Amino acid sequence: MILALALVGEKKRALALLEPLLPGPSDISIRVVELDPHWDGLRDSKDFRALLDKYRDGPN
């Protein structure tokens, strides 16, 4: 669902659902989000970049 929201431009909703998945065990990791082109719809978002920076040094 998060990826679908990202693809259709629902950035705020996608980010709100993505954030709780980044710090914990999940199929979605910082590395996946950084490299997978499916997340390109969020890459121009300042909030998306801040979210990655926040969790980049964490367990992912």
N, C-alpha and C. Protein backbone atom coordinates (compact mmCIF):
# COMPACT_ATOMS: atom_id res chain seq x y z
N MET A 1 0.82 -1.19 0.00
CA MET A 1 0.00 0.00 0.00
C MET A 1 0.87 1.26 0.00
N ILE A 2 1.95 1.23 0.77
CA ILE A 2 2.82 2.41 0.84
C ILE A 2 3.38 2.73 -0.54
N LEU A 3 3.84 1.72 -1.20
CA LEU A 3 4.43 1.92 -2.52
C LEU A 3 3.39 2.44 -3.50
N ALA A 4 2.19 1.95 -3.42
CA ALA A 4 1.11 2.44 -4.29
C ALA A 4 0.85 3.91 -4.03
N LEU A 5 0.82 4.30 -2.77
CA LEU A 5 0.62 5.72 -2.43
C LEU A 5 1.75 6.57 -2.98
N ALA A 6 2.97 6.07 -2.86
CA ALA A 6 4.12 6.81 -3.39
C ALA A 6 4.01 6.96 -4.91
N LEU A 7 3.59 5.91 -5.58
CA LEU A 7 3.50 5.94 -7.04
C LEU A 7 2.43 6.89 -7.56
N VAL A 8 1.37 7.09 -6.78
CA VAL A 8 0.29 7.97 -7.24
C VAL A 8 0.40 9.38 -6.67
N GLY A 9 1.51 9.66 -5.98
CA GLY A 9 1.75 11.01 -5.50
C GLY A 9 1.19 11.35 -4.14
N GLU A 10 0.72 10.38 -3.41
CA GLU A 10 0.21 10.61 -2.05
C GLU A 10 1.39 10.56 -1.07
N LYS A 11 2.26 11.56 -1.18
CA LYS A 11 3.53 11.55 -0.47
C LYS A 11 3.36 11.57 1.04
N LYS A 12 2.54 12.46 1.55
CA LYS A 12 2.38 12.56 3.01
C LYS A 12 1.85 11.27 3.61
N ARG A 13 0.88 10.67 2.96
CA ARG A 13 0.33 9.41 3.46
C ARG A 13 1.36 8.29 3.38
N ALA A 14 2.10 8.24 2.29
CA ALA A 14 3.13 7.21 2.13
C ALA A 14 4.20 7.36 3.20
N LEU A 15 4.65 8.57 3.45
CA LEU A 15 5.69 8.80 4.45
C LEU A 15 5.20 8.45 5.86
N ALA A 16 3.95 8.78 6.14
CA ALA A 16 3.39 8.46 7.46
C ALA A 16 3.36 6.95 7.70
N LEU A 17 3.10 6.18 6.67
CA LEU A 17 3.08 4.72 6.80
C LEU A 17 4.48 4.11 6.75
N LEU A 18 5.39 4.78 6.05
CA LEU A 18 6.74 4.27 5.91
C LEU A 18 7.57 4.43 7.19
N GLU A 19 7.42 5.54 7.85
CA GLU A 19 8.28 5.85 8.99
C GLU A 19 8.32 4.76 10.06
N PRO A 20 7.20 4.23 10.51
CA PRO A 20 7.30 3.21 11.57
C PRO A 20 7.95 1.90 11.12
N LEU A 21 8.09 1.70 9.82
CA LEU A 21 8.70 0.46 9.33
C LEU A 21 10.23 0.53 9.28
N LEU A 22 10.78 1.72 9.20
CA LEU A 22 12.21 1.86 9.01
C LEU A 22 13.07 1.45 10.20
N PRO A 23 12.69 1.74 11.42
CA PRO A 23 13.58 1.39 12.53
C PRO A 23 13.51 -0.07 12.97
N GLY A 24 12.47 -0.76 12.61
CA GLY A 24 12.31 -2.11 13.13
C GLY A 24 12.45 -3.17 12.08
N PRO A 25 12.27 -4.40 12.47
CA PRO A 25 12.32 -5.49 11.49
C PRO A 25 11.19 -5.32 10.46
N SER A 26 11.57 -5.30 9.21
CA SER A 26 10.60 -5.08 8.14
C SER A 26 11.25 -5.46 6.82
N ASP A 27 10.44 -5.75 5.83
CA ASP A 27 10.94 -5.99 4.48
C ASP A 27 11.41 -4.70 3.83
N ILE A 28 11.00 -3.59 4.41
CA ILE A 28 11.39 -2.28 3.89
C ILE A 28 12.52 -1.74 4.75
N SER A 29 13.69 -1.61 4.15
CA SER A 29 14.85 -1.09 4.87
C SER A 29 15.31 0.22 4.22
N ILE A 30 16.18 0.91 4.90
CA ILE A 30 16.74 2.14 4.33
C ILE A 30 17.37 1.84 2.97
N ARG A 31 18.12 0.78 2.89
CA ARG A 31 18.83 0.43 1.65
C ARG A 31 17.84 0.18 0.50
N VAL A 32 16.77 -0.52 0.79
CA VAL A 32 15.75 -0.78 -0.24
C VAL A 32 15.14 0.53 -0.70
N VAL A 33 14.77 1.37 0.24
CA VAL A 33 14.13 2.64 -0.10
C VAL A 33 15.08 3.56 -0.86
N GLU A 34 16.36 3.50 -0.53
CA GLU A 34 17.34 4.34 -1.23
C GLU A 34 17.56 3.88 -2.68
N LEU A 35 17.53 2.59 -2.92
CA LEU A 35 17.93 2.07 -4.22
C LEU A 35 16.79 1.66 -5.16
N ASP A 36 15.67 1.25 -4.62
CA ASP A 36 14.58 0.74 -5.44
C ASP A 36 13.91 1.89 -6.21
N PRO A 37 13.87 1.82 -7.53
CA PRO A 37 13.29 2.90 -8.33
C PRO A 37 11.79 3.10 -8.09
N HIS A 38 11.13 2.15 -7.49
CA HIS A 38 9.71 2.33 -7.19
C HIS A 38 9.47 3.48 -6.22
N TRP A 39 10.48 3.85 -5.46
CA TRP A 39 10.35 4.94 -4.49
C TRP A 39 10.70 6.29 -5.10
N ASP A 40 10.97 6.35 -6.40
CA ASP A 40 11.36 7.60 -7.05
C ASP A 40 10.34 8.71 -6.88
N GLY A 41 9.09 8.37 -6.75
CA GLY A 41 8.04 9.38 -6.57
C GLY A 41 8.17 10.18 -5.29
N LEU A 42 8.95 9.67 -4.34
CA LEU A 42 9.14 10.38 -3.07
C LEU A 42 10.48 11.08 -2.99
N ARG A 43 11.37 10.80 -3.90
CA ARG A 43 12.75 11.28 -3.78
C ARG A 43 12.89 12.80 -3.77
N ASP A 44 11.99 13.50 -4.40
CA ASP A 44 12.09 14.97 -4.42
C ASP A 44 11.51 15.61 -3.16
N SER A 45 11.02 14.81 -2.24
CA SER A 45 10.41 15.31 -1.02
C SER A 45 11.47 15.55 0.06
N LYS A 46 11.49 16.76 0.59
CA LYS A 46 12.39 17.09 1.70
C LYS A 46 12.11 16.19 2.90
N ASP A 47 10.85 15.89 3.14
CA ASP A 47 10.47 15.02 4.26
C ASP A 47 10.98 13.59 4.06
N PHE A 48 10.99 13.12 2.83
CA PHE A 48 11.50 11.79 2.53
C PHE A 48 12.99 11.72 2.82
N ARG A 49 13.73 12.71 2.36
CA ARG A 49 15.17 12.74 2.61
C ARG A 49 15.47 12.84 4.10
N ALA A 50 14.70 13.64 4.82
CA ALA A 50 14.90 13.77 6.27
C ALA A 50 14.61 12.45 6.97
N LEU A 51 13.61 11.74 6.51
CA LEU A 51 13.26 10.45 7.10
C LEU A 51 14.40 9.44 6.89
N LEU A 52 14.96 9.41 5.71
CA LEU A 52 16.09 8.52 5.45
C LEU A 52 17.28 8.89 6.32
N ASP A 53 17.56 10.17 6.43
CA ASP A 53 18.67 10.62 7.27
C ASP A 53 18.46 10.23 8.73
N LYS A 54 17.24 10.32 9.17
CA LYS A 54 16.91 10.01 10.57
C LYS A 54 17.24 8.55 10.91
N TYR A 55 16.96 7.64 9.99
CA TYR A 55 17.12 6.22 10.27
C TYR A 55 18.34 5.57 9.60
N ARG A 56 19.07 6.33 8.83
CA ARG A 56 20.20 5.78 8.07
C ARG A 56 21.24 5.11 8.99
N ASP A 57 21.51 5.68 10.12
CA ASP A 57 22.52 5.14 11.01
C ASP A 57 21.96 4.14 12.01
N GLY A 58 20.71 3.78 11.84
CA GLY A 58 20.06 2.83 12.76
C GLY A 58 20.35 1.39 12.39
N PRO A 59 19.50 0.48 12.85
CA PRO A 59 19.72 -0.95 12.66
C PRO A 59 19.58 -1.43 11.23
N ASN A 60 19.00 -0.62 10.33
CA ASN A 60 18.82 -1.06 8.94
C ASN A 60 20.11 -0.92 8.25
